[in-house]
Amino acid sequence: MGYMTTIGTFRLVQEPELKELGGGTSVLKLRCAVLNRAKKGEKSTSLFIDVEAWGDLAVNAAPTLSKGQEIMVAGRLQEDEWAGKDGETKRKLKVTASDLGWAASKWPDRDSEQESRGADRQLRETEEAF
């Protein structure tokens, strides 16, 4: 069976949590969000997703990350499944990271609508040149 690889830019919405498990294994848990921009006049929505990093990646990344930071994540998209207190099956998607790091942004406030329009225009001009 295969798995789905995903690469994305996320914003940390909680402080990262590094846990030491038995046997010298470490896990870094991240709660992230992605803003799905809407067309003018429509409401934007956010997608929240959990990201886990294991072992050396977890230990090395933990001290460099903090709430509010924009990060790049590459990893495997997975679905967790468990029985809830009500007996119903619960599910959620998460990413198990194979790589992660800071997302460099050209602007201090990447979410600025004006800057985004400028970036879109610049991207179109670059594509047209090729």
C-alpha atoms as a PDB file:
ATOM      1  CA  MET A   1       0.000   0.000   0.000  1.00  0.00           C
ATOM      2  CA  GLY A   2       1.260   3.489  -0.810  1.00  0.00           C
ATOM      3  CA  TYR A   3       1.015   6.711   1.086  1.00  0.00           C
ATOM      4  CA  MET A   4       0.367  10.329   0.193  1.00  0.00           C
ATOM      5  CA  THR A   5       3.242  12.762   0.449  1.00  0.00           C
ATOM      6  CA  THR A   6       2.375  16.371   1.162  1.00  0.00           C
ATOM      7  CA  ILE A   7       4.390  19.579   1.183  1.00  0.00           C
ATOM      8  CA  GLY A   8       2.942  22.779   2.551  1.00  0.00           C
ATOM      9  CA  THR A   9       3.338  26.059   4.336  1.00  0.00           C
ATOM     10  CA  PHE A  10       1.609  26.247   7.700  1.00  0.00           C
ATOM     11  CA  ARG A  11       1.314  28.732  10.584  1.00  0.00           C
ATOM     12  CA  LEU A  12       1.933  27.384  14.105  1.00  0.00           C
ATOM     13  CA  VAL A  13      -1.137  28.163  16.241  1.00  0.00           C
ATOM     14  CA  GLN A  14       0.185  26.654  19.485  1.00  0.00           C
ATOM     15  CA  GLU A  15       3.592  26.382  21.073  1.00  0.00           C
ATOM     16  CA  PRO A  16       5.361  23.210  19.891  1.00  0.00           C
ATOM     17  CA  GLU A  17       5.324  20.340  22.379  1.00  0.00           C
ATOM     18  CA  LEU A  18       8.397  18.079  22.587  1.00  0.00           C
ATOM     19  CA  LYS A  19       7.848  14.798  24.440  1.00  0.00           C
ATOM     20  CA  GLU A  20      10.483  12.276  25.444  1.00  0.00           C
ATOM     21  CA  LEU A  21       9.105   8.756  25.131  1.00  0.00           C
ATOM     22  CA  GLY A  22      10.608   5.561  26.494  1.00  0.00           C
ATOM     23  CA  GLY A  23      13.688   4.130  24.830  1.00  0.00           C
ATOM     24  CA  GLY A  24      15.174   7.505  23.915  1.00  0.00           C
ATOM     25  CA  THR A  25      12.514   8.305  21.308  1.00  0.00           C
ATOM     26  CA  SER A  26      11.247  11.886  20.993  1.00  0.00           C
ATOM     27  CA  VAL A  27       8.157  13.280  19.307  1.00  0.00           C
ATOM     28  CA  LEU A  28       7.413  16.929  18.471  1.00  0.00           C
ATOM     29  CA  LYS A  29       3.730  17.784  18.194  1.00  0.00           C
ATOM     30  CA  LEU A  30       2.691  20.868  16.237  1.00  0.00           C
ATOM     31  CA  ARG A  31      -0.785  22.357  15.777  1.00  0.00           C
ATOM     32  CA  CYS A  32      -0.894  24.259  12.495  1.00  0.00           C
ATOM     33  CA  ALA A  33      -3.300  26.224  10.344  1.00  0.00           C
ATOM     34  CA  VAL A  34      -3.584  27.077   6.676  1.00  0.00           C
ATOM     35  CA  LEU A  35      -5.639  30.067   5.558  1.00  0.00           C
ATOM     36  CA  ASN A  36      -7.743  29.308   2.504  1.00  0.00           C
ATOM     37  CA  ARG A  37      -8.141  32.733   0.953  1.00  0.00           C
ATOM     38  CA  ALA A  38     -11.513  33.491  -0.520  1.00  0.00           C
ATOM     39  CA  LYS A  39     -12.568  35.618  -3.437  1.00  0.00           C
ATOM     40  CA  LYS A  40     -13.486  39.208  -2.696  1.00  0.00           C
ATOM     41  CA  GLY A  41     -16.753  39.355  -0.775  1.00  0.00           C
ATOM     42  CA  GLU A  42     -16.475  35.755   0.448  1.00  0.00           C
ATOM     43  CA  LYS A  43     -15.272  34.611   3.841  1.00  0.00           C
ATOM     44  CA  SER A  44     -11.835  32.971   4.137  1.00  0.00           C
ATOM     45  CA  THR A  45     -11.630  29.692   6.021  1.00  0.00           C
ATOM     46  CA  SER A  46      -8.852  28.008   7.953  1.00  0.00           C
ATOM     47  CA  LEU A  47      -7.825  24.375   7.902  1.00  0.00           C
ATOM     48  CA  PHE A  48      -6.250  23.112  11.126  1.00  0.00           C
ATOM     49  CA  ILE A  49      -3.964  20.108  11.021  1.00  0.00           C
ATOM     50  CA  ASP A  50      -1.619  18.351  13.435  1.00  0.00           C
ATOM     51  CA  VAL A  51       1.986  17.668  12.465  1.00  0.00           C
ATOM     52  CA  GLU A  52       4.312  15.214  14.209  1.00  0.00           C
ATOM     53  CA  ALA A  53       8.079  14.964  13.883  1.00  0.00           C
ATOM     54  CA  TRP A  54      10.011  12.053  15.381  1.00  0.00           C
ATOM     55  CA  GLY A  55      13.551  11.313  16.587  1.00  0.00           C
ATOM     56  CA  ASP A  56      16.404  13.647  15.656  1.00  0.00           C
ATOM     57  CA  LEU A  57      14.111  15.832  13.536  1.00  0.00           C
ATOM     58  CA  ALA A  58      11.926  16.462  16.598  1.00  0.00           C
ATOM     59  CA  VAL A  59      14.854  17.246  18.897  1.00  0.00           C
ATOM     60  CA  ASN A  60      16.614  19.516  16.392  1.00  0.00           C
ATOM     61  CA  ALA A  61      13.512  21.424  15.279  1.00  0.00           C
ATOM     62  CA  ALA A  62      11.888  22.001  18.685  1.00  0.00           C
ATOM     63  CA  PRO A  63      14.119  24.853  19.928  1.00  0.00           C
ATOM     64  CA  THR A  64      13.795  26.756  16.634  1.00  0.00           C
ATOM     65  CA  LEU A  65       9.983  26.861  16.425  1.00  0.00           C
ATOM     66  CA  SER A  66       7.390  28.992  18.215  1.00  0.00           C
ATOM     67  CA  LYS A  67       3.712  29.912  18.049  1.00  0.00           C
ATOM     68  CA  GLY A  68       2.843  32.268  15.184  1.00  0.00           C
ATOM     69  CA  GLN A  69       5.780  31.210  13.044  1.00  0.00           C
ATOM     70  CA  GLU A  70       5.283  30.153   9.443  1.00  0.00           C
ATOM     71  CA  ILE A  71       6.866  26.789   8.640  1.00  0.00           C
ATOM     72  CA  MET A  72       7.354  24.499   5.655  1.00  0.00           C
ATOM     73  CA  VAL A  73       6.495  20.837   6.179  1.00  0.00           C
ATOM     74  CA  ALA A  74       7.100  17.818   3.965  1.00  0.00           C
ATOM     75  CA  GLY A  75       5.786  14.484   5.103  1.00  0.00           C
ATOM     76  CA  ARG A  76       3.273  11.684   4.939  1.00  0.00           C
ATOM     77  CA  LEU A  77      -0.443  12.438   5.220  1.00  0.00           C
ATOM     78  CA  GLN A  78      -2.117   9.954   7.573  1.00  0.00           C
ATOM     79  CA  GLU A  79      -5.488   9.378   9.166  1.00  0.00           C
ATOM     80  CA  ASP A  80      -5.693   8.594  12.890  1.00  0.00           C
ATOM     81  CA  GLU A  81      -8.695   6.572  14.013  1.00  0.00           C
ATOM     82  CA  TRP A  82      -9.927   5.880  17.554  1.00  0.00           C
ATOM     83  CA  ALA A  83     -13.079   5.136  19.525  1.00  0.00           C
ATOM     84  CA  GLY A  84     -14.583   8.194  21.214  1.00  0.00           C
ATOM     85  CA  LYS A  85     -16.150   8.252  24.669  1.00  0.00           C
ATOM     86  CA  ASP A  86     -19.529   7.888  22.978  1.00  0.00           C
ATOM     87  CA  GLY A  87     -18.356   4.696  21.229  1.00  0.00           C
ATOM     88  CA  GLU A  88     -18.335   6.365  17.824  1.00  0.00           C
ATOM     89  CA  THR A  89     -15.292   6.046  15.572  1.00  0.00           C
ATOM     90  CA  LYS A  90     -13.379   9.332  15.407  1.00  0.00           C
ATOM     91  CA  ARG A  91     -10.910  10.301  12.677  1.00  0.00           C
ATOM     92  CA  LYS A  92      -8.508  13.123  11.968  1.00  0.00           C
ATOM     93  CA  LEU A  93      -5.795  13.826   9.442  1.00  0.00           C
ATOM     94  CA  LYS A  94      -2.217  14.523  10.470  1.00  0.00           C
ATOM     95  CA  VAL A  95       1.140  14.896   8.773  1.00  0.00           C
ATOM     96  CA  THR A  96       4.142  12.870   9.929  1.00  0.00           C
ATOM     97  CA  ALA A  97       7.019  15.144   8.938  1.00  0.00           C
ATOM     98  CA  SER A  98      10.094  13.932   7.115  1.00  0.00           C
ATOM     99  CA  ASP A  99      11.413  17.521   6.788  1.00  0.00           C
ATOM    100  CA  LEU A 100      10.445  20.816   8.337  1.00  0.00           C
ATOM    101  CA  GLY A 101      11.836  24.292   8.735  1.00  0.00           C
ATOM    102  CA  TRP A 102      11.130  27.997   8.577  1.00  0.00           C
ATOM    103  CA  ALA A 103       9.191  29.400   5.675  1.00  0.00           C
ATOM    104  CA  ALA A 104      11.070  32.427   4.395  1.00  0.00           C
ATOM    105  CA  SER A 105       8.760  35.225   3.365  1.00  0.00           C
ATOM    106  CA  LYS A 106       9.562  38.228   1.227  1.00  0.00           C
ATOM    107  CA  TRP A 107       7.338  40.424   3.392  1.00  0.00           C
ATOM    108  CA  PRO A 108       7.113  40.852   7.172  1.00  0.00           C
ATOM    109  CA  ASP A 109       3.339  40.320   7.017  1.00  0.00           C
ATOM    110  CA  ARG A 110       2.720  37.720   4.340  1.00  0.00           C
ATOM    111  CA  ASP A 111      -1.030  37.866   4.834  1.00  0.00           C
ATOM    112  CA  SER A 112      -1.247  41.454   3.630  1.00  0.00           C
ATOM    113  CA  GLU A 113      -3.739  41.570   0.768  1.00  0.00           C
ATOM    114  CA  GLN A 114      -1.843  44.278  -1.093  1.00  0.00           C
ATOM    115  CA  GLU A 115       1.431  42.367  -0.956  1.00  0.00           C
ATOM    116  CA  SER A 116      -0.306  39.178  -2.059  1.00  0.00           C
ATOM    117  CA  ARG A 117      -1.766  40.926  -5.097  1.00  0.00           C
ATOM    118  CA  GLY A 118       1.711  42.220  -5.933  1.00  0.00           C
ATOM    119  CA  ALA A 119       3.151  38.723  -5.603  1.00  0.00           C
ATOM    120  CA  ASP A 120       0.428  37.292  -7.840  1.00  0.00           C
ATOM    121  CA  ARG A 121       1.130  39.961 -10.466  1.00  0.00           C
ATOM    122  CA  GLN A 122       4.877  39.318 -10.249  1.00  0.00           C
ATOM    123  CA  LEU A 123       4.314  35.558 -10.639  1.00  0.00           C
ATOM    124  CA  ARG A 124       2.136  36.089 -13.729  1.00  0.00           C
ATOM    125  CA  GLU A 125       4.747  38.396 -15.276  1.00  0.00           C
ATOM    126  CA  THR A 126       7.503  35.849 -14.609  1.00  0.00           C
ATOM    127  CA  GLU A 127       5.422  33.040 -16.154  1.00  0.00           C
ATOM    128  CA  GLU A 128       4.680  35.164 -19.219  1.00  0.00           C
ATOM    129  CA  ALA A 129       8.414  35.833 -19.689  1.00  0.00           C
ATOM    130  CA  PHE A 130       9.026  32.101 -20.096  1.00  0.00           C
END
